[in-house]
Amino acid sequence: MRTYWRIFGVAAATTLLAACGGGGSEQQASTNTSETPAATDANATAAPAAPAATPAAAPTADSTDTIDGTKLADLTGDAAHGKVIFTQCQACHAIEEGVNKIGPSLAGVVGRHSGSVAGYAYSAANKNSGITWTPEKLYQYLENPQRVVPGTKMAFAGLSKGQDRADVIAYLKTGGK
């Protein structure tokens, strides 16, 4: 029976990390290397490693350009679907004011200055980013947080679908209702 609970605990932890986009930035960095796996046959030769992709430069605090080229203005957010998408954020964030978890409370995030929730220990990168979380800036950030605020503690890989990002923002605007 103890073995079952150990396996269950490992599975639950793995699921939680997957929902948050994986591990920390160190883990992401190690998975983005261009190392070629060792050949399994002694006579086989490894193919040359592909050049590493050049990461996109961090946008300025005023920029809202996305990697995929989409714009929030071209989409209509669906708060009900945003609530469903937000379930993967709930492991680290709460919508209730004053409830900080691994990440800060997202109550009133739309229009708030970055790094300003009382009682939350932000990274210097986030605190000093100069960002105001407009809907457009949140849209950009949710696509790839590390690109927008290099050095942020947020390990979430991002939401690749523009509609999902628009829906989460619509949900955040409702205050979790």
C-alpha atoms as a PDB file:
ATOM      1  CA  MET A   1       0.000   0.000   0.000  1.00  0.00           C
ATOM      2  CA  ARG A   2       2.878   2.394   0.778  1.00  0.00           C
ATOM      3  CA  THR A   3       4.308   1.823  -2.684  1.00  0.00           C
ATOM      4  CA  TYR A   4       0.970   2.853  -4.186  1.00  0.00           C
ATOM      5  CA  TRP A   5       0.967   6.142  -2.269  1.00  0.00           C
ATOM      6  CA  ARG A   6       4.579   6.883  -3.252  1.00  0.00           C
ATOM      7  CA  ILE A   7       3.775   6.294  -6.913  1.00  0.00           C
ATOM      8  CA  PHE A   8       0.604   8.369  -6.578  1.00  0.00           C
ATOM      9  CA  GLY A   9       2.576  11.226  -4.955  1.00  0.00           C
ATOM     10  CA  VAL A  10       5.187  11.238  -7.717  1.00  0.00           C
ATOM     11  CA  ALA A  11       2.469  11.163 -10.374  1.00  0.00           C
ATOM     12  CA  ALA A  12       0.624  14.063  -8.716  1.00  0.00           C
ATOM     13  CA  ALA A  13       3.806  16.144  -8.467  1.00  0.00           C
ATOM     14  CA  THR A  14       4.632  15.442 -12.111  1.00  0.00           C
ATOM     15  CA  THR A  15       1.130  16.453 -13.185  1.00  0.00           C
ATOM     16  CA  LEU A  16       1.351  19.690 -11.188  1.00  0.00           C
ATOM     17  CA  LEU A  17       4.696  20.608 -12.748  1.00  0.00           C
ATOM     18  CA  ALA A  18       3.376  19.818 -16.222  1.00  0.00           C
ATOM     19  CA  ALA A  19       0.375  22.092 -15.626  1.00  0.00           C
ATOM     20  CA  CYS A  20       2.747  24.908 -14.715  1.00  0.00           C
ATOM     21  CA  GLY A  21       4.829  24.409 -17.819  1.00  0.00           C
ATOM     22  CA  GLY A  22       7.582  22.305 -16.278  1.00  0.00           C
ATOM     23  CA  GLY A  23      10.351  23.090 -13.888  1.00  0.00           C
ATOM     24  CA  GLY A  24      12.265  26.263 -13.245  1.00  0.00           C
ATOM     25  CA  SER A  25      14.374  28.180 -15.713  1.00  0.00           C
ATOM     26  CA  GLU A  26      17.350  25.886 -15.057  1.00  0.00           C
ATOM     27  CA  GLN A  27      15.318  22.894 -16.224  1.00  0.00           C
ATOM     28  CA  GLN A  28      14.034  24.776 -19.256  1.00  0.00           C
ATOM     29  CA  ALA A  29      17.563  25.785 -20.174  1.00  0.00           C
ATOM     30  CA  SER A  30      18.766  22.192 -19.990  1.00  0.00           C
ATOM     31  CA  THR A  31      15.958  21.002 -22.269  1.00  0.00           C
ATOM     32  CA  ASN A  32      16.726  23.674 -24.866  1.00  0.00           C
ATOM     33  CA  THR A  33      20.315  22.619 -25.531  1.00  0.00           C
ATOM     34  CA  SER A  34      21.403  21.379 -28.914  1.00  0.00           C
ATOM     35  CA  GLU A  35      23.254  18.314 -27.642  1.00  0.00           C
ATOM     36  CA  THR A  36      23.017  15.269 -29.876  1.00  0.00           C
ATOM     37  CA  PRO A  37      22.212  12.013 -28.076  1.00  0.00           C
ATOM     38  CA  ALA A  38      25.023   9.473 -27.970  1.00  0.00           C
ATOM     39  CA  ALA A  39      24.963   6.912 -30.744  1.00  0.00           C
ATOM     40  CA  THR A  40      23.529   3.595 -29.611  1.00  0.00           C
ATOM     41  CA  ASP A  41      25.633   1.583 -32.069  1.00  0.00           C
ATOM     42  CA  ALA A  42      29.417   1.777 -31.810  1.00  0.00           C
ATOM     43  CA  ASN A  43      29.680   2.012 -35.613  1.00  0.00           C
ATOM     44  CA  ALA A  44      26.978   4.686 -35.955  1.00  0.00           C
ATOM     45  CA  THR A  45      27.927   8.320 -36.257  1.00  0.00           C
ATOM     46  CA  ALA A  46      25.878  11.091 -34.796  1.00  0.00           C
ATOM     47  CA  ALA A  47      24.408  13.680 -37.108  1.00  0.00           C
ATOM     48  CA  PRO A  48      25.809  17.173 -36.653  1.00  0.00           C
ATOM     49  CA  ALA A  49      23.932  19.177 -34.080  1.00  0.00           C
ATOM     50  CA  ALA A  50      21.553  21.786 -35.432  1.00  0.00           C
ATOM     51  CA  PRO A  51      22.479  25.341 -34.511  1.00  0.00           C
ATOM     52  CA  ALA A  52      20.736  26.551 -31.386  1.00  0.00           C
ATOM     53  CA  ALA A  53      17.769  28.826 -32.030  1.00  0.00           C
ATOM     54  CA  THR A  54      18.417  32.437 -31.194  1.00  0.00           C
ATOM     55  CA  PRO A  55      15.924  33.491 -28.535  1.00  0.00           C
ATOM     56  CA  ALA A  56      13.735  36.444 -29.391  1.00  0.00           C
ATOM     57  CA  ALA A  57      14.890  39.645 -27.758  1.00  0.00           C
ATOM     58  CA  ALA A  58      12.912  40.770 -24.757  1.00  0.00           C
ATOM     59  CA  PRO A  59      10.332  43.357 -25.765  1.00  0.00           C
ATOM     60  CA  THR A  60      10.316  46.775 -24.164  1.00  0.00           C
ATOM     61  CA  ALA A  61       7.834  47.587 -21.406  1.00  0.00           C
ATOM     62  CA  ASP A  62       5.682  49.432 -23.962  1.00  0.00           C
ATOM     63  CA  SER A  63       5.793  46.769 -26.684  1.00  0.00           C
ATOM     64  CA  THR A  64       2.912  44.318 -27.043  1.00  0.00           C
ATOM     65  CA  ASP A  65       4.236  42.403 -30.068  1.00  0.00           C
ATOM     66  CA  THR A  66       3.685  38.659 -29.804  1.00  0.00           C
ATOM     67  CA  ILE A  67       5.796  35.841 -31.193  1.00  0.00           C
ATOM     68  CA  ASP A  68       2.870  34.450 -33.186  1.00  0.00           C
ATOM     69  CA  GLY A  69       1.917  37.902 -34.523  1.00  0.00           C
ATOM     70  CA  THR A  70      -1.606  37.847 -33.081  1.00  0.00           C
ATOM     71  CA  LYS A  71      -3.197  40.864 -31.402  1.00  0.00           C
ATOM     72  CA  LEU A  72      -5.650  40.884 -28.540  1.00  0.00           C
ATOM     73  CA  ALA A  73      -7.753  43.477 -30.367  1.00  0.00           C
ATOM     74  CA  ASP A  74      -8.500  40.903 -33.089  1.00  0.00           C
ATOM     75  CA  LEU A  75     -10.088  38.478 -30.608  1.00  0.00           C
ATOM     76  CA  THR A  76     -13.117  38.445 -28.346  1.00  0.00           C
ATOM     77  CA  GLY A  77     -12.402  36.966 -24.940  1.00  0.00           C
ATOM     78  CA  ASP A  78     -14.744  34.369 -23.444  1.00  0.00           C
ATOM     79  CA  ALA A  79     -14.561  34.611 -19.636  1.00  0.00           C
ATOM     80  CA  ALA A  80     -16.295  31.238 -19.136  1.00  0.00           C
ATOM     81  CA  HIS A  81     -13.656  29.473 -21.250  1.00  0.00           C
ATOM     82  CA  GLY A  82     -10.971  31.592 -19.567  1.00  0.00           C
ATOM     83  CA  LYS A  83     -12.080  30.173 -16.210  1.00  0.00           C
ATOM     84  CA  VAL A  84     -11.489  26.663 -17.575  1.00  0.00           C
ATOM     85  CA  ILE A  85      -8.055  27.608 -18.933  1.00  0.00           C
ATOM     86  CA  PHE A  86      -7.211  29.355 -15.643  1.00  0.00           C
ATOM     87  CA  THR A  87      -7.446  26.035 -13.776  1.00  0.00           C
ATOM     88  CA  GLN A  88      -3.851  25.354 -14.837  1.00  0.00           C
ATOM     89  CA  CYS A  89      -2.824  28.677 -13.234  1.00  0.00           C
ATOM     90  CA  GLN A  90      -4.520  27.915  -9.898  1.00  0.00           C
ATOM     91  CA  ALA A  91      -1.663  25.747  -8.661  1.00  0.00           C
ATOM     92  CA  CYS A  92       0.407  28.931  -8.350  1.00  0.00           C
ATOM     93  CA  HIS A  93      -2.056  31.857  -8.380  1.00  0.00           C
ATOM     94  CA  ALA A  94      -5.267  32.843  -6.624  1.00  0.00           C
ATOM     95  CA  ILE A  95      -7.887  35.315  -7.826  1.00  0.00           C
ATOM     96  CA  GLU A  96      -8.741  36.366  -4.268  1.00  0.00           C
ATOM     97  CA  GLU A  97      -7.139  39.573  -3.049  1.00  0.00           C
ATOM     98  CA  GLY A  98      -4.362  39.063  -0.505  1.00  0.00           C
ATOM     99  CA  VAL A  99      -3.966  35.353  -1.261  1.00  0.00           C
ATOM    100  CA  ASN A 100      -0.420  34.818  -2.478  1.00  0.00           C
ATOM    101  CA  LYS A 101       0.712  31.321  -3.353  1.00  0.00           C
ATOM    102  CA  ILE A 102       3.831  30.339  -5.288  1.00  0.00           C
ATOM    103  CA  GLY A 103       2.873  33.342  -7.429  1.00  0.00           C
ATOM    104  CA  PRO A 104       1.164  36.571  -6.407  1.00  0.00           C
ATOM    105  CA  SER A 105      -2.574  37.088  -6.198  1.00  0.00           C
ATOM    106  CA  LEU A 106      -4.034  38.017  -9.570  1.00  0.00           C
ATOM    107  CA  ALA A 107      -6.935  39.980  -8.081  1.00  0.00           C
ATOM    108  CA  GLY A 108      -6.989  43.315  -9.891  1.00  0.00           C
ATOM    109  CA  VAL A 109      -4.000  42.426 -12.061  1.00  0.00           C
ATOM    110  CA  VAL A 110      -5.430  44.209 -15.113  1.00  0.00           C
ATOM    111  CA  GLY A 111      -4.116  47.772 -14.896  1.00  0.00           C
ATOM    112  CA  ARG A 112      -1.733  47.057 -12.001  1.00  0.00           C
ATOM    113  CA  HIS A 113       1.985  47.888 -12.022  1.00  0.00           C
ATOM    114  CA  SER A 114       4.282  44.836 -12.052  1.00  0.00           C
ATOM    115  CA  GLY A 115       5.836  43.749  -8.795  1.00  0.00           C
ATOM    116  CA  SER A 116       3.364  45.625  -6.619  1.00  0.00           C
ATOM    117  CA  VAL A 117       1.338  43.036  -4.651  1.00  0.00           C
ATOM    118  CA  ALA A 118       2.009  43.520  -0.949  1.00  0.00           C
ATOM    119  CA  GLY A 119       3.508  40.543   0.811  1.00  0.00           C
ATOM    120  CA  TYR A 120       4.833  38.807  -2.309  1.00  0.00           C
ATOM    121  CA  ALA A 121       8.585  38.428  -2.891  1.00  0.00           C
ATOM    122  CA  TYR A 122       9.006  39.234  -6.594  1.00  0.00           C
ATOM    123  CA  SER A 123      12.112  38.613  -8.634  1.00  0.00           C
ATOM    124  CA  ALA A 124      14.141  41.755  -9.281  1.00  0.00           C
ATOM    125  CA  ALA A 125      13.374  41.268 -12.985  1.00  0.00           C
ATOM    126  CA  ASN A 126       9.627  41.525 -12.432  1.00  0.00           C
ATOM    127  CA  LYS A 127       9.791  44.238  -9.799  1.00  0.00           C
ATOM    128  CA  ASN A 128      12.012  46.437 -11.981  1.00  0.00           C
ATOM    129  CA  SER A 129      10.395  45.706 -15.359  1.00  0.00           C
ATOM    130  CA  GLY A 130       8.392  48.940 -15.480  1.00  0.00           C
ATOM    131  CA  ILE A 131       5.394  47.050 -16.852  1.00  0.00           C
ATOM    132  CA  THR A 132       1.787  48.013 -16.311  1.00  0.00           C
ATOM    133  CA  TRP A 133      -0.392  44.960 -16.866  1.00  0.00           C
ATOM    134  CA  THR A 134      -2.706  46.254 -19.558  1.00  0.00           C
ATOM    135  CA  PRO A 135      -4.794  43.593 -21.291  1.00  0.00           C
ATOM    136  CA  GLU A 136      -2.452  43.820 -24.316  1.00  0.00           C
ATOM    137  CA  LYS A 137       0.686  43.409 -22.175  1.00  0.00           C
ATOM    138  CA  LEU A 138      -0.870  40.443 -20.334  1.00  0.00           C
ATOM    139  CA  TYR A 139      -1.691  38.918 -23.720  1.00  0.00           C
ATOM    140  CA  GLN A 140       1.951  39.184 -24.733  1.00  0.00           C
ATOM    141  CA  TYR A 141       3.218  37.950 -21.347  1.00  0.00           C
ATOM    142  CA  LEU A 142       0.949  34.903 -21.246  1.00  0.00           C
ATOM    143  CA  GLU A 143       2.365  33.768 -24.580  1.00  0.00           C
ATOM    144  CA  ASN A 144       5.897  33.422 -23.134  1.00  0.00           C
ATOM    145  CA  PRO A 145       6.551  34.949 -19.689  1.00  0.00           C
ATOM    146  CA  GLN A 146      10.331  34.433 -19.820  1.00  0.00           C
ATOM    147  CA  ARG A 147      10.537  36.373 -23.100  1.00  0.00           C
ATOM    148  CA  VAL A 148       8.652  39.372 -21.732  1.00  0.00           C
ATOM    149  CA  VAL A 149      10.330  39.442 -18.306  1.00  0.00           C
ATOM    150  CA  PRO A 150      13.669  37.612 -18.581  1.00  0.00           C
ATOM    151  CA  GLY A 151      14.582  36.375 -15.118  1.00  0.00           C
ATOM    152  CA  THR A 152      11.012  36.150 -13.816  1.00  0.00           C
ATOM    153  CA  LYS A 153      10.376  33.410 -11.256  1.00  0.00           C
ATOM    154  CA  MET A 154       7.326  32.313 -13.237  1.00  0.00           C
ATOM    155  CA  ALA A 155       8.242  28.924 -14.688  1.00  0.00           C
ATOM    156  CA  PHE A 156       5.076  28.615 -16.806  1.00  0.00           C
ATOM    157  CA  ALA A 157       5.956  28.031 -20.464  1.00  0.00           C
ATOM    158  CA  GLY A 158       3.010  30.084 -21.724  1.00  0.00           C
ATOM    159  CA  LEU A 159      -0.250  29.680 -23.620  1.00  0.00           C
ATOM    160  CA  SER A 160       0.449  29.135 -27.303  1.00  0.00           C
ATOM    161  CA  LYS A 161      -3.130  29.748 -28.488  1.00  0.00           C
ATOM    162  CA  GLY A 162      -4.033  33.416 -28.780  1.00  0.00           C
ATOM    163  CA  GLN A 163      -7.702  32.703 -28.077  1.00  0.00           C
ATOM    164  CA  ASP A 164      -6.816  30.974 -24.800  1.00  0.00           C
ATOM    165  CA  ARG A 165      -4.807  34.037 -23.743  1.00  0.00           C
ATOM    166  CA  ALA A 166      -7.697  36.357 -24.632  1.00  0.00           C
ATOM    167  CA  ASP A 167     -10.098  34.145 -22.685  1.00  0.00           C
ATOM    168  CA  VAL A 168      -7.921  34.098 -19.543  1.00  0.00           C
ATOM    169  CA  ILE A 169      -7.664  37.891 -19.662  1.00  0.00           C
ATOM    170  CA  ALA A 170     -11.463  38.160 -19.999  1.00  0.00           C
ATOM    171  CA  TYR A 171     -11.772  35.908 -16.935  1.00  0.00           C
ATOM    172  CA  LEU A 172      -9.221  37.946 -14.945  1.00  0.00           C
ATOM    173  CA  LYS A 173     -11.201  41.103 -15.757  1.00  0.00           C
ATOM    174  CA  THR A 174     -14.261  39.548 -14.076  1.00  0.00           C
ATOM    175  CA  GLY A 175     -12.354  39.160 -10.821  1.00  0.00           C
ATOM    176  CA  GLY A 176     -12.924  35.418 -10.871  1.00  0.00           C
ATOM    177  CA  LYS A 177     -16.693  35.522 -11.181  1.00  0.00           C
END
